Amino acid sequence: MTAETQALLQRDCPGRALLDHITGKWGVLVLTSLTEGPLRFHQLRARIEGVSDKMLTQTLRTFASDGLVERTVLPTAPPSVLYELTDLGAEAARELEPFLRWVRATASAAMAVAAS
C-alpha cells in the first residue's frame, strides 16, 4: 500500500472529504454526466435517472465548493444555469473511467453471486 493510500485511511486526512464527495451515491454519476460538456440542471436530472432535485442540487453545490464543477448563470429571462467540469473535475472523471469500465464489465457476475 502506498503512503498516499495509507494517508486516506487516517481520520484527519483532507483527501478523505474529497473522496467522500466523489464516491457518494450521486457523485460519480454527476461527474460522468458532465464529461461530454456543460449541461443545465434539468438536463442533468434527466440524464441521471433516479436522482432527486435535492440530491442533485446538493451534489452540484459540493462539487462547486470543491472546485470540480463550475456554475455559470446565463443572462437570460428567466436566468439559465450551466454546470460544467473544471480542469480538476475533468481529471477526476478521467481517473474514474477505468473503474467505471470494470463496474460495467463485472456487474452481472457480481449480481449473480449476490443472488445465490
PDB file of N, CA and C in Angstrom:
ATOM      1  N   MET A   1       0.849  -1.174   0.000  1.00  0.00           N
ATOM      2  CA  MET A   1       0.000   0.000   0.000  1.00  0.00           C
ATOM      3  C   MET A   1       0.896   1.239   0.000  1.00  0.00           C
ATOM      4  N   THR A   2       0.541   2.196  -0.842  1.00  0.00           N
ATOM      5  CA  THR A   2       1.352   3.410  -0.936  1.00  0.00           C
ATOM      6  C   THR A   2       1.103   4.322   0.264  1.00  0.00           C
ATOM      7  N   ALA A   3       2.021   5.239   0.477  1.00  0.00           N
ATOM      8  CA  ALA A   3       1.875   6.211   1.560  1.00  0.00           C
ATOM      9  C   ALA A   3       0.645   7.088   1.339  1.00  0.00           C
ATOM     10  N   GLU A   4       0.350   7.414   0.052  1.00  0.00           N
ATOM     11  CA  GLU A   4      -0.830   8.227  -0.255  1.00  0.00           C
ATOM     12  C   GLU A   4      -2.115   7.501   0.140  1.00  0.00           C
ATOM     13  N   THR A   5      -2.159   6.206  -0.132  1.00  0.00           N
ATOM     14  CA  THR A   5      -3.337   5.411   0.240  1.00  0.00           C
ATOM     15  C   THR A   5      -3.434   5.295   1.749  1.00  0.00           C
ATOM     16  N   GLN A   6      -2.311   5.072   2.412  1.00  0.00           N
ATOM     17  CA  GLN A   6      -2.309   4.992   3.871  1.00  0.00           C
ATOM     18  C   GLN A   6      -2.802   6.284   4.492  1.00  0.00           C
ATOM     19  N   ALA A   7      -2.446   7.422   3.894  1.00  0.00           N
ATOM     20  CA  ALA A   7      -2.890   8.712   4.427  1.00  0.00           C
ATOM     21  C   ALA A   7      -4.418   8.824   4.383  1.00  0.00           C
ATOM     22  N   LEU A   8      -5.043   8.306   3.328  1.00  0.00           N
ATOM     23  CA  LEU A   8      -6.506   8.373   3.221  1.00  0.00           C
ATOM     24  C   LEU A   8      -7.205   7.562   4.309  1.00  0.00           C
ATOM     25  N   LEU A   9      -6.501   6.620   4.893  1.00  0.00           N
ATOM     26  CA  LEU A   9      -7.088   5.808   5.956  1.00  0.00           C
ATOM     27  C   LEU A   9      -7.126   6.545   7.283  1.00  0.00           C
ATOM     28  N   GLN A  10      -6.402   7.657   7.353  1.00  0.00           N
ATOM     29  CA  GLN A  10      -6.369   8.452   8.584  1.00  0.00           C
ATOM     30  C   GLN A  10      -7.584   9.371   8.656  1.00  0.00           C
ATOM     31  N   ARG A  11      -8.198   9.446   9.790  1.00  0.00           N
ATOM     32  CA  ARG A  11      -9.416  10.222  10.003  1.00  0.00           C
ATOM     33  C   ARG A  11      -9.267  11.692   9.623  1.00  0.00           C
ATOM     34  N   ASP A  12      -8.099  12.275   9.872  1.00  0.00           N
ATOM     35  CA  ASP A  12      -7.914  13.710   9.644  1.00  0.00           C
ATOM     36  C   ASP A  12      -7.321  14.051   8.272  1.00  0.00           C
ATOM     37  N   CYS A  13      -7.255  13.097   7.364  1.00  0.00           N
ATOM     38  CA  CYS A  13      -6.705  13.349   6.035  1.00  0.00           C
ATOM     39  C   CYS A  13      -7.666  14.238   5.228  1.00  0.00           C
ATOM     40  N   PRO A  14      -7.193  15.383   4.702  1.00  0.00           N
ATOM     41  CA  PRO A  14      -8.077  16.261   3.932  1.00  0.00           C
ATOM     42  C   PRO A  14      -8.597  15.608   2.650  1.00  0.00           C
ATOM     43  N   GLY A  15      -7.857  14.681   2.102  1.00  0.00           N
ATOM     44  CA  GLY A  15      -8.311  13.987   0.904  1.00  0.00           C
ATOM     45  C   GLY A  15      -9.523  13.114   1.143  1.00  0.00           C
ATOM     46  N   ARG A  16      -9.738  12.758   2.388  1.00  0.00           N
ATOM     47  CA  ARG A  16     -10.864  11.880   2.719  1.00  0.00           C
ATOM     48  C   ARG A  16     -12.214  12.560   2.444  1.00  0.00           C
ATOM     49  N   ALA A  17     -12.309  13.846   2.691  1.00  0.00           N
ATOM     50  CA  ALA A  17     -13.561  14.570   2.414  1.00  0.00           C
ATOM     51  C   ALA A  17     -13.835  14.592   0.914  1.00  0.00           C
ATOM     52  N   LEU A  18     -12.815  14.871   0.115  1.00  0.00           N
ATOM     53  CA  LEU A  18     -12.985  14.882  -1.333  1.00  0.00           C
ATOM     54  C   LEU A  18     -13.362  13.489  -1.836  1.00  0.00           C
ATOM     55  N   LEU A  19     -12.714  12.468  -1.304  1.00  0.00           N
ATOM     56  CA  LEU A  19     -13.052  11.091  -1.666  1.00  0.00           C
ATOM     57  C   LEU A  19     -14.513  10.799  -1.355  1.00  0.00           C
ATOM     58  N   ASP A  20     -14.970  11.233  -0.204  1.00  0.00           N
ATOM     59  CA  ASP A  20     -16.366  11.035   0.184  1.00  0.00           C
ATOM     60  C   ASP A  20     -17.313  11.755  -0.767  1.00  0.00           C
ATOM     61  N   HIS A  21     -16.973  12.974  -1.170  1.00  0.00           N
ATOM     62  CA  HIS A  21     -17.832  13.739  -2.081  1.00  0.00           C
ATOM     63  C   HIS A  21     -17.935  13.053  -3.445  1.00  0.00           C
ATOM     64  N   ILE A  22     -16.801  12.603  -3.967  1.00  0.00           N
ATOM     65  CA  ILE A  22     -16.798  11.992  -5.296  1.00  0.00           C
ATOM     66  C   ILE A  22     -17.476  10.641  -5.293  1.00  0.00           C
ATOM     67  N   THR A  23     -17.240   9.851  -4.251  1.00  0.00           N
ATOM     68  CA  THR A  23     -17.756   8.480  -4.253  1.00  0.00           C
ATOM     69  C   THR A  23     -19.110   8.341  -3.572  1.00  0.00           C
ATOM     70  N   GLY A  24     -19.725   9.462  -3.213  1.00  0.00           N
ATOM     71  CA  GLY A  24     -21.076   9.391  -2.668  1.00  0.00           C
ATOM     72  C   GLY A  24     -22.027   8.823  -3.714  1.00  0.00           C
ATOM     73  N   LYS A  25     -23.233   8.536  -3.332  1.00  0.00           N
ATOM     74  CA  LYS A  25     -24.184   7.858  -4.217  1.00  0.00           C
ATOM     75  C   LYS A  25     -24.304   8.511  -5.588  1.00  0.00           C
ATOM     76  N   TRP A  26     -24.304   9.837  -5.651  1.00  0.00           N
ATOM     77  CA  TRP A  26     -24.529  10.522  -6.928  1.00  0.00           C
ATOM     78  C   TRP A  26     -23.282  11.161  -7.514  1.00  0.00           C
ATOM     79  N   GLY A  27     -22.209  11.254  -6.764  1.00  0.00           N
ATOM     80  CA  GLY A  27     -21.018  11.964  -7.200  1.00  0.00           C
ATOM     81  C   GLY A  27     -20.417  11.452  -8.496  1.00  0.00           C
ATOM     82  N   VAL A  28     -20.173  10.156  -8.574  1.00  0.00           N
ATOM     83  CA  VAL A  28     -19.573   9.577  -9.777  1.00  0.00           C
ATOM     84  C   VAL A  28     -20.485   9.794 -10.978  1.00  0.00           C
ATOM     85  N   LEU A  29     -21.781   9.665 -10.763  1.00  0.00           N
ATOM     86  CA  LEU A  29     -22.731   9.814 -11.879  1.00  0.00           C
ATOM     87  C   LEU A  29     -22.794  11.257 -12.371  1.00  0.00           C
ATOM     88  N   VAL A  30     -22.706  12.223 -11.471  1.00  0.00           N
ATOM     89  CA  VAL A  30     -22.697  13.632 -11.882  1.00  0.00           C
ATOM     90  C   VAL A  30     -21.428  13.938 -12.665  1.00  0.00           C
ATOM     91  N   LEU A  31     -20.276  13.517 -12.156  1.00  0.00           N
ATOM     92  CA  LEU A  31     -19.025  13.763 -12.868  1.00  0.00           C
ATOM     93  C   LEU A  31     -19.051  13.132 -14.249  1.00  0.00           C
ATOM     94  N   THR A  32     -19.509  11.905 -14.321  1.00  0.00           N
ATOM     95  CA  THR A  32     -19.574  11.192 -15.600  1.00  0.00           C
ATOM     96  C   THR A  32     -20.527  11.883 -16.569  1.00  0.00           C
ATOM     97  N   SER A  33     -21.648  12.355 -16.068  1.00  0.00           N
ATOM     98  CA  SER A  33     -22.632  13.009 -16.929  1.00  0.00           C
ATOM     99  C   SER A  33     -22.116  14.298 -17.544  1.00  0.00           C
ATOM    100  N   LEU A  34     -21.213  14.956 -16.859  1.00  0.00           N
ATOM    101  CA  LEU A  34     -20.705  16.240 -17.342  1.00  0.00           C
ATOM    102  C   LEU A  34     -19.479  16.108 -18.238  1.00  0.00           C
ATOM    103  N   THR A  35     -19.023  14.890 -18.515  1.00  0.00           N
ATOM    104  CA  THR A  35     -17.807  14.721 -19.316  1.00  0.00           C
ATOM    105  C   THR A  35     -17.996  15.133 -20.770  1.00  0.00           C
ATOM    106  N   GLU A  36     -19.216  15.120 -21.261  1.00  0.00           N
ATOM    107  CA  GLU A  36     -19.456  15.475 -22.660  1.00  0.00           C
ATOM    108  C   GLU A  36     -19.673  16.959 -22.871  1.00  0.00           C
ATOM    109  N   GLY A  37     -19.664  17.730 -21.795  1.00  0.00           N
ATOM    110  CA  GLY A  37     -19.821  19.170 -21.923  1.00  0.00           C
ATOM    111  C   GLY A  37     -20.830  19.717 -20.935  1.00  0.00           C
ATOM    112  N   PRO A  38     -21.001  21.041 -20.932  1.00  0.00           N
ATOM    113  CA  PRO A  38     -21.886  21.689 -19.968  1.00  0.00           C
ATOM    114  C   PRO A  38     -23.337  21.255 -20.149  1.00  0.00           C
ATOM    115  N   LEU A  39     -24.043  21.199 -19.032  1.00  0.00           N
ATOM    116  CA  LEU A  39     -25.468  20.852 -19.038  1.00  0.00           C
ATOM    117  C   LEU A  39     -26.220  21.765 -18.082  1.00  0.00           C
ATOM    118  N   ARG A  40     -27.484  21.982 -18.390  1.00  0.00           N
ATOM    119  CA  ARG A  40     -28.360  22.689 -17.466  1.00  0.00           C
ATOM    120  C   ARG A  40     -28.881  21.692 -16.441  1.00  0.00           C
ATOM    121  N   PHE A  41     -29.406  22.219 -15.348  1.00  0.00           N
ATOM    122  CA  PHE A  41     -29.859  21.381 -14.241  1.00  0.00           C
ATOM    123  C   PHE A  41     -30.842  20.312 -14.707  1.00  0.00           C
ATOM    124  N   HIS A  42     -31.854  20.730 -15.456  1.00  0.00           N
ATOM    125  CA  HIS A  42     -32.879  19.767 -15.868  1.00  0.00           C
ATOM    126  C   HIS A  42     -32.315  18.708 -16.809  1.00  0.00           C
ATOM    127  N   GLN A  43     -31.292  19.066 -17.593  1.00  0.00           N
ATOM    128  CA  GLN A  43     -30.654  18.077 -18.468  1.00  0.00           C
ATOM    129  C   GLN A  43     -29.893  17.044 -17.642  1.00  0.00           C
ATOM    130  N   LEU A  44     -29.209  17.505 -16.616  1.00  0.00           N
ATOM    131  CA  LEU A  44     -28.510  16.575 -15.723  1.00  0.00           C
ATOM    132  C   LEU A  44     -29.503  15.655 -15.020  1.00  0.00           C
ATOM    133  N   ARG A  45     -30.575  16.227 -14.500  1.00  0.00           N
ATOM    134  CA  ARG A  45     -31.581  15.438 -13.791  1.00  0.00           C
ATOM    135  C   ARG A  45     -32.187  14.380 -14.705  1.00  0.00           C
ATOM    136  N   ALA A  46     -32.431  14.731 -15.955  1.00  0.00           N
ATOM    137  CA  ALA A  46     -32.990  13.770 -16.913  1.00  0.00           C
ATOM    138  C   ALA A  46     -31.980  12.678 -17.258  1.00  0.00           C
ATOM    139  N   ARG A  47     -30.720  13.030 -17.300  1.00  0.00           N
ATOM    140  CA  ARG A  47     -29.676  12.068 -17.663  1.00  0.00           C
ATOM    141  C   ARG A  47     -29.416  11.062 -16.546  1.00  0.00           C
ATOM    142  N   ILE A  48     -29.502  11.510 -15.295  1.00  0.00           N
ATOM    143  CA  ILE A  48     -29.205  10.642 -14.145  1.00  0.00           C
ATOM    144  C   ILE A  48     -30.523  10.156 -13.557  1.00  0.00           C
ATOM    145  N   GLU A  49     -30.993   9.041 -14.040  1.00  0.00           N
ATOM    146  CA  GLU A  49     -32.282   8.514 -13.598  1.00  0.00           C
ATOM    147  C   GLU A  49     -32.268   8.229 -12.097  1.00  0.00           C
ATOM    148  N   GLY A  50     -33.324   8.692 -11.425  1.00  0.00           N
ATOM    149  CA  GLY A  50     -33.489   8.406 -10.007  1.00  0.00           C
ATOM    150  C   GLY A  50     -32.972   9.469  -9.055  1.00  0.00           C
ATOM    151  N   VAL A  51     -32.210  10.438  -9.536  1.00  0.00           N
ATOM    152  CA  VAL A  51     -31.700  11.479  -8.645  1.00  0.00           C
ATOM    153  C   VAL A  51     -32.795  12.506  -8.377  1.00  0.00           C
ATOM    154  N   SER A  52     -32.926  12.895  -7.125  1.00  0.00           N
ATOM    155  CA  SER A  52     -33.915  13.911  -6.768  1.00  0.00           C
ATOM    156  C   SER A  52     -33.311  15.300  -6.986  1.00  0.00           C
ATOM    157  N   ASP A  53     -34.189  16.296  -7.092  1.00  0.00           N
ATOM    158  CA  ASP A  53     -33.714  17.680  -7.214  1.00  0.00           C
ATOM    159  C   ASP A  53     -32.811  18.041  -6.039  1.00  0.00           C
ATOM    160  N   LYS A  54     -33.214  17.634  -4.835  1.00  0.00           N
ATOM    161  CA  LYS A  54     -32.456  17.953  -3.634  1.00  0.00           C
ATOM    162  C   LYS A  54     -31.050  17.366  -3.687  1.00  0.00           C
ATOM    163  N   MET A  55     -30.935  16.100  -4.049  1.00  0.00           N
ATOM    164  CA  MET A  55     -29.621  15.455  -4.064  1.00  0.00           C
ATOM    165  C   MET A  55     -28.741  15.983  -5.189  1.00  0.00           C
ATOM    166  N   LEU A  56     -29.346  16.271  -6.338  1.00  0.00           N
ATOM    167  CA  LEU A  56     -28.563  16.834  -7.436  1.00  0.00           C
ATOM    168  C   LEU A  56     -28.050  18.223  -7.066  1.00  0.00           C
ATOM    169  N   THR A  57     -28.907  19.036  -6.485  1.00  0.00           N
ATOM    170  CA  THR A  57     -28.502  20.378  -6.038  1.00  0.00           C
ATOM    171  C   THR A  57     -27.379  20.284  -5.018  1.00  0.00           C
ATOM    172  N   GLN A  58     -27.529  19.409  -4.048  1.00  0.00           N
ATOM    173  CA  GLN A  58     -26.522  19.245  -3.005  1.00  0.00           C
ATOM    174  C   GLN A  58     -25.190  18.789  -3.597  1.00  0.00           C
ATOM    175  N   THR A  59     -25.232  17.830  -4.513  1.00  0.00           N
ATOM    176  CA  THR A  59     -24.005  17.323  -5.129  1.00  0.00           C
ATOM    177  C   THR A  59     -23.324  18.405  -5.952  1.00  0.00           C
ATOM    178  N   LEU A  60     -24.098  19.151  -6.732  1.00  0.00           N
ATOM    179  CA  LEU A  60     -23.519  20.225  -7.546  1.00  0.00           C
ATOM    180  C   LEU A  60     -22.910  21.327  -6.686  1.00  0.00           C
ATOM    181  N   ARG A  61     -23.573  21.682  -5.605  1.00  0.00           N
ATOM    182  CA  ARG A  61     -23.026  22.703  -4.693  1.00  0.00           C
ATOM    183  C   ARG A  61     -21.719  22.231  -4.071  1.00  0.00           C
ATOM    184  N   THR A  62     -21.699  20.980  -3.650  1.00  0.00           N
ATOM    185  CA  THR A  62     -20.486  20.420  -3.050  1.00  0.00           C
ATOM    186  C   THR A  62     -19.355  20.411  -4.062  1.00  0.00           C
ATOM    187  N   PHE A  63     -19.637  19.962  -5.282  1.00  0.00           N
ATOM    188  CA  PHE A  63     -18.607  19.921  -6.315  1.00  0.00           C
ATOM    189  C   PHE A  63     -18.128  21.324  -6.699  1.00  0.00           C
ATOM    190  N   ALA A  64     -19.026  22.302  -6.680  1.00  0.00           N
ATOM    191  CA  ALA A  64     -18.612  23.681  -6.951  1.00  0.00           C
ATOM    192  C   ALA A  64     -17.678  24.167  -5.840  1.00  0.00           C
ATOM    193  N   SER A  65     -17.999  23.844  -4.602  1.00  0.00           N
ATOM    194  CA  SER A  65     -17.139  24.222  -3.470  1.00  0.00           C
ATOM    195  C   SER A  65     -15.784  23.530  -3.526  1.00  0.00           C
ATOM    196  N   ASP A  66     -15.779  22.294  -4.031  1.00  0.00           N
ATOM    197  CA  ASP A  66     -14.529  21.527  -4.145  1.00  0.00           C
ATOM    198  C   ASP A  66     -13.703  21.926  -5.361  1.00  0.00           C
ATOM    199  N   GLY A  67     -14.271  22.747  -6.242  1.00  0.00           N
ATOM    200  CA  GLY A  67     -13.553  23.155  -7.447  1.00  0.00           C
ATOM    201  C   GLY A  67     -13.630  22.147  -8.575  1.00  0.00           C
ATOM    202  N   LEU A  68     -14.593  21.217  -8.510  1.00  0.00           N
ATOM    203  CA  LEU A  68     -14.749  20.206  -9.554  1.00  0.00           C
ATOM    204  C   LEU A  68     -15.731  20.627 -10.640  1.00  0.00           C
ATOM    205  N   VAL A  69     -16.672  21.480 -10.286  1.00  0.00           N
ATOM    206  CA  VAL A  69     -17.729  21.922 -11.207  1.00  0.00           C
ATOM    207  C   VAL A  69     -17.811  23.442 -11.163  1.00  0.00           C
ATOM    208  N   GLU A  70     -18.008  24.022 -12.329  1.00  0.00           N
ATOM    209  CA  GLU A  70     -18.225  25.469 -12.421  1.00  0.00           C
ATOM    210  C   GLU A  70     -19.694  25.714 -12.738  1.00  0.00           C
ATOM    211  N   ARG A  71     -20.273  26.654 -12.024  1.00  0.00           N
ATOM    212  CA  ARG A  71     -21.680  27.033 -12.204  1.00  0.00           C
ATOM    213  C   ARG A  71     -21.694  28.395 -12.874  1.00  0.00           C
ATOM    214  N   THR A  72     -22.335  28.475 -14.052  1.00  0.00           N
ATOM    215  CA  THR A  72     -22.398  29.726 -14.791  1.00  0.00           C
ATOM    216  C   THR A  72     -23.860  30.129 -14.982  1.00  0.00           C
ATOM    217  N   VAL A  73     -24.201  31.323 -14.503  1.00  0.00           N
ATOM    218  CA  VAL A  73     -25.557  31.847 -14.674  1.00  0.00           C
ATOM    219  C   VAL A  73     -25.573  32.639 -15.973  1.00  0.00           C
ATOM    220  N   LEU A  74     -26.452  32.253 -16.883  1.00  0.00           N
ATOM    221  CA  LEU A  74     -26.566  32.927 -18.176  1.00  0.00           C
ATOM    222  C   LEU A  74     -27.573  34.070 -18.072  1.00  0.00           C
ATOM    223  N   PRO A  75     -27.276  35.194 -18.700  1.00  0.00           N
ATOM    224  CA  PRO A  75     -28.167  36.360 -18.606  1.00  0.00           C
ATOM    225  C   PRO A  75     -29.384  36.237 -19.523  1.00  0.00           C
ATOM    226  N   THR A  76     -30.252  35.316 -19.198  1.00  0.00           N
ATOM    227  CA  THR A  76     -31.483  35.124 -19.960  1.00  0.00           C
ATOM    228  C   THR A  76     -32.657  35.395 -19.039  1.00  0.00           C
ATOM    229  N   ALA A  77     -33.837  35.454 -19.608  1.00  0.00           N
ATOM    230  CA  ALA A  77     -35.034  35.644 -18.794  1.00  0.00           C
ATOM    231  C   ALA A  77     -35.960  34.452 -19.012  1.00  0.00           C
ATOM    232  N   PRO A  78     -36.192  33.624 -18.033  1.00  0.00           N
ATOM    233  CA  PRO A  78     -35.560  33.609 -16.715  1.00  0.00           C
ATOM    234  C   PRO A  78     -34.103  33.147 -16.825  1.00  0.00           C
ATOM    235  N   PRO A  79     -33.297  33.412 -15.796  1.00  0.00           N
ATOM    236  CA  PRO A  79     -31.889  33.030 -15.849  1.00  0.00           C
ATOM    237  C   PRO A  79     -31.719  31.520 -16.023  1.00  0.00           C
ATOM    238  N   SER A  80     -30.772  31.145 -16.838  1.00  0.00           N
ATOM    239  CA  SER A  80     -30.411  29.743 -17.016  1.00  0.00           C
ATOM    240  C   SER A  80     -29.063  29.519 -16.349  1.00  0.00           C
ATOM    241  N   VAL A  81     -28.868  28.312 -15.845  1.00  0.00           N
ATOM    242  CA  VAL A  81     -27.609  27.977 -15.188  1.00  0.00           C
ATOM    243  C   VAL A  81     -27.003  26.776 -15.892  1.00  0.00           C
ATOM    244  N   LEU A  82     -25.727  26.889 -16.224  1.00  0.00           N
ATOM    245  CA  LEU A  82     -24.981  25.784 -16.826  1.00  0.00           C
ATOM    246  C   LEU A  82     -23.983  25.251 -15.813  1.00  0.00           C
ATOM    247  N   TYR A  83     -23.835  23.944 -15.820  1.00  0.00           N
ATOM    248  CA  TYR A  83     -22.840  23.287 -14.975  1.00  0.00           C
ATOM    249  C   TYR A  83     -21.850  22.593 -15.891  1.00  0.00           C
ATOM    250  N   GLU A  84     -20.556  22.783 -15.598  1.00  0.00           N
ATOM    251  CA  GLU A  84     -19.534  22.098 -16.387  1.00  0.00           C
ATOM    252  C   GLU A  84     -18.351  21.754 -15.502  1.00  0.00           C
ATOM    253  N   LEU A  85     -17.617  20.739 -15.936  1.00  0.00           N
ATOM    254  CA  LEU A  85     -16.441  20.318 -15.187  1.00  0.00           C
ATOM    255  C   LEU A  85     -15.331  21.351 -15.318  1.00  0.00           C
ATOM    256  N   THR A  86     -14.643  21.596 -14.233  1.00  0.00           N
ATOM    257  CA  THR A  86     -13.414  22.373 -14.270  1.00  0.00           C
ATOM    258  C   THR A  86     -12.308  21.425 -14.740  1.00  0.00           C
ATOM    259  N   ASP A  87     -11.120  21.928 -14.899  1.00  0.00           N
ATOM    260  CA  ASP A  87     -10.000  21.050 -15.255  1.00  0.00           C
ATOM    261  C   ASP A  87      -9.812  19.960 -14.204  1.00  0.00           C
ATOM    262  N   LEU A  88      -9.957  20.339 -12.937  1.00  0.00           N
ATOM    263  CA  LEU A  88      -9.824  19.370 -11.852  1.00  0.00           C
ATOM    264  C   LEU A  88     -10.937  18.316 -11.916  1.00  0.00           C
ATOM    265  N   GLY A  89     -12.157  18.756 -12.196  1.00  0.00           N
ATOM    266  CA  GLY A  89     -13.276  17.824 -12.324  1.00  0.00           C
ATOM    267  C   GLY A  89     -13.115  16.888 -13.508  1.00  0.00           C
ATOM    268  N   ALA A  90     -12.622  17.425 -14.619  1.00  0.00           N
ATOM    269  CA  ALA A  90     -12.377  16.598 -15.805  1.00  0.00           C
ATOM    270  C   ALA A  90     -11.302  15.559 -15.521  1.00  0.00           C
ATOM    271  N   GLU A  91     -10.279  15.947 -14.769  1.00  0.00           N
ATOM    272  CA  GLU A  91      -9.236  14.988 -14.395  1.00  0.00           C
ATOM    273  C   GLU A  91      -9.819  13.885 -13.516  1.00  0.00           C
ATOM    274  N   ALA A  92     -10.652  14.250 -12.562  1.00  0.00           N
ATOM    275  CA  ALA A  92     -11.280  13.252 -11.693  1.00  0.00           C
ATOM    276  C   ALA A  92     -12.130  12.288 -12.516  1.00  0.00           C
ATOM    277  N   ALA A  93     -12.901  12.824 -13.461  1.00  0.00           N
ATOM    278  CA  ALA A  93     -13.748  11.974 -14.310  1.00  0.00           C
ATOM    279  C   ALA A  93     -12.908  11.017 -15.146  1.00  0.00           C
ATOM    280  N   ARG A  94     -11.788  11.487 -15.673  1.00  0.00           N
ATOM    281  CA  ARG A  94     -10.889  10.617 -16.450  1.00  0.00           C
ATOM    282  C   ARG A  94     -10.322   9.502 -15.582  1.00  0.00           C
ATOM    283  N   GLU A  95      -9.973   9.830 -14.356  1.00  0.00           N
ATOM    284  CA  GLU A  95      -9.425   8.828 -13.440  1.00  0.00           C
ATOM    285  C   GLU A  95     -10.481   7.790 -13.055  1.00  0.00           C
ATOM    286  N   LEU A  96     -11.747   8.181 -13.047  1.00  0.00           N
ATOM    287  CA  LEU A  96     -12.833   7.258 -12.701  1.00  0.00           C
ATOM    288  C   LEU A  96     -13.178   6.292 -13.834  1.00  0.00           C
ATOM    289  N   GLU A  97     -12.856   6.647 -15.062  1.00  0.00           N
ATOM    290  CA  GLU A  97     -13.274   5.849 -16.218  1.00  0.00           C
ATOM    291  C   GLU A  97     -12.833   4.384 -16.157  1.00  0.00           C
ATOM    292  N   PRO A  98     -11.577   4.060 -15.810  1.00  0.00           N
ATOM    293  CA  PRO A  98     -11.218   2.638 -15.718  1.00  0.00           C
ATOM    294  C   PRO A  98     -12.058   1.888 -14.675  1.00  0.00           C
ATOM    295  N   PHE A  99     -12.321   2.541 -13.561  1.00  0.00           N
ATOM    296  CA  PHE A  99     -13.166   1.926 -12.539  1.00  0.00           C
ATOM    297  C   PHE A  99     -14.576   1.679 -13.071  1.00  0.00           C
ATOM    298  N   LEU A 100     -15.138   2.659 -13.786  1.00  0.00           N
ATOM    299  CA  LEU A 100     -16.483   2.501 -14.344  1.00  0.00           C
ATOM    300  C   LEU A 100     -16.527   1.400 -15.398  1.00  0.00           C
ATOM    301  N   ARG A 101     -15.476   1.257 -16.190  1.00  0.00           N
ATOM    302  CA  ARG A 101     -15.406   0.140 -17.144  1.00  0.00           C
ATOM    303  C   ARG A 101     -15.447  -1.191 -16.407  1.00  0.00           C
ATOM    304  N   TRP A 102     -14.689  -1.284 -15.317  1.00  0.00           N
ATOM    305  CA  TRP A 102     -14.674  -2.501 -14.512  1.00  0.00           C
ATOM    306  C   TRP A 102     -16.071  -2.780 -13.943  1.00  0.00           C
ATOM    307  N   VAL A 103     -16.738  -1.759 -13.439  1.00  0.00           N
ATOM    308  CA  VAL A 103     -18.084  -1.932 -12.881  1.00  0.00           C
ATOM    309  C   VAL A 103     -19.037  -2.467 -13.941  1.00  0.00           C
ATOM    310  N   ARG A 104     -19.022  -1.855 -15.124  1.00  0.00           N
ATOM    311  CA  ARG A 104     -19.909  -2.301 -16.202  1.00  0.00           C
ATOM    312  C   ARG A 104     -19.601  -3.734 -16.618  1.00  0.00           C
ATOM    313  N   ALA A 105     -18.323  -4.088 -16.660  1.00  0.00           N
ATOM    314  CA  ALA A 105     -17.918  -5.421 -17.113  1.00  0.00           C
ATOM    315  C   ALA A 105     -18.240  -6.510 -16.092  1.00  0.00           C
ATOM    316  N   THR A 106     -18.260  -6.179 -14.822  1.00  0.00           N
ATOM    317  CA  THR A 106     -18.429  -7.207 -13.791  1.00  0.00           C
ATOM    318  C   THR A 106     -19.763  -7.149 -13.055  1.00  0.00           C
ATOM    319  N   ALA A 107     -20.599  -6.190 -13.367  1.00  0.00           N
ATOM    320  CA  ALA A 107     -21.853  -6.019 -12.623  1.00  0.00           C
ATOM    321  C   ALA A 107     -22.728  -7.263 -12.675  1.00  0.00           C
ATOM    322  N   SER A 108     -22.898  -7.860 -13.844  1.00  0.00           N
ATOM    323  CA  SER A 108     -23.761  -9.038 -13.964  1.00  0.00           C
ATOM    324  C   SER A 108     -23.240 -10.191 -13.120  1.00  0.00           C
ATOM    325  N   ALA A 109     -21.936 -10.422 -13.186  1.00  0.00           N
ATOM    326  CA  ALA A 109     -21.352 -11.514 -12.412  1.00  0.00           C
ATOM    327  C   ALA A 109     -21.495 -11.252 -10.916  1.00  0.00           C
ATOM    328  N   ALA A 110     -21.265 -10.032 -10.497  1.00  0.00           N
ATOM    329  CA  ALA A 110     -21.388  -9.696  -9.071  1.00  0.00           C
ATOM    330  C   ALA A 110     -22.829  -9.857  -8.593  1.00  0.00           C
ATOM    331  N   MET A 111     -23.779  -9.439  -9.415  1.00  0.00           N
ATOM    332  CA  MET A 111     -25.194  -9.573  -9.035  1.00  0.00           C
ATOM    333  C   MET A 111     -25.608 -11.042  -8.958  1.00  0.00           C
ATOM    334  N   ALA A 112     -25.067 -11.864  -9.862  1.00  0.00           N
ATOM    335  CA  ALA A 112     -25.374 -13.293  -9.847  1.00  0.00           C
ATOM    336  C   ALA A 112     -24.844 -13.950  -8.577  1.00  0.00           C
ATOM    337  N   VAL A 113     -23.656 -13.565  -8.167  1.00  0.00           N
ATOM    338  CA  VAL A 113     -23.077 -14.107  -6.933  1.00  0.00           C
ATOM    339  C   VAL A 113     -23.921 -13.651  -5.739  1.00  0.00           C
ATOM    340  N   ALA A 114     -24.319 -12.401  -5.726  1.00  0.00           N
ATOM    341  CA  ALA A 114     -25.118 -11.873  -4.635  1.00  0.00           C
ATOM    342  C   ALA A 114     -26.482 -12.561  -4.546  1.00  0.00           C
ATOM    343  N   ALA A 115     -27.032 -12.954  -5.689  1.00  0.00           N
ATOM    344  CA  ALA A 115     -28.353 -13.583  -5.709  1.00  0.00           C
ATOM    345  C   ALA A 115     -28.301 -15.045  -5.272  1.00  0.00           C
ATOM    346  N   SER A 116     -27.122 -15.643  -5.312  1.00  0.00           N
ATOM    347  CA  SER A 116     -27.038 -17.071  -4.957  1.00  0.00           C
ATOM    348  C   SER A 116     -26.813 -17.295  -3.480  1.00  0.00           C
TER     349      SER A 116
END
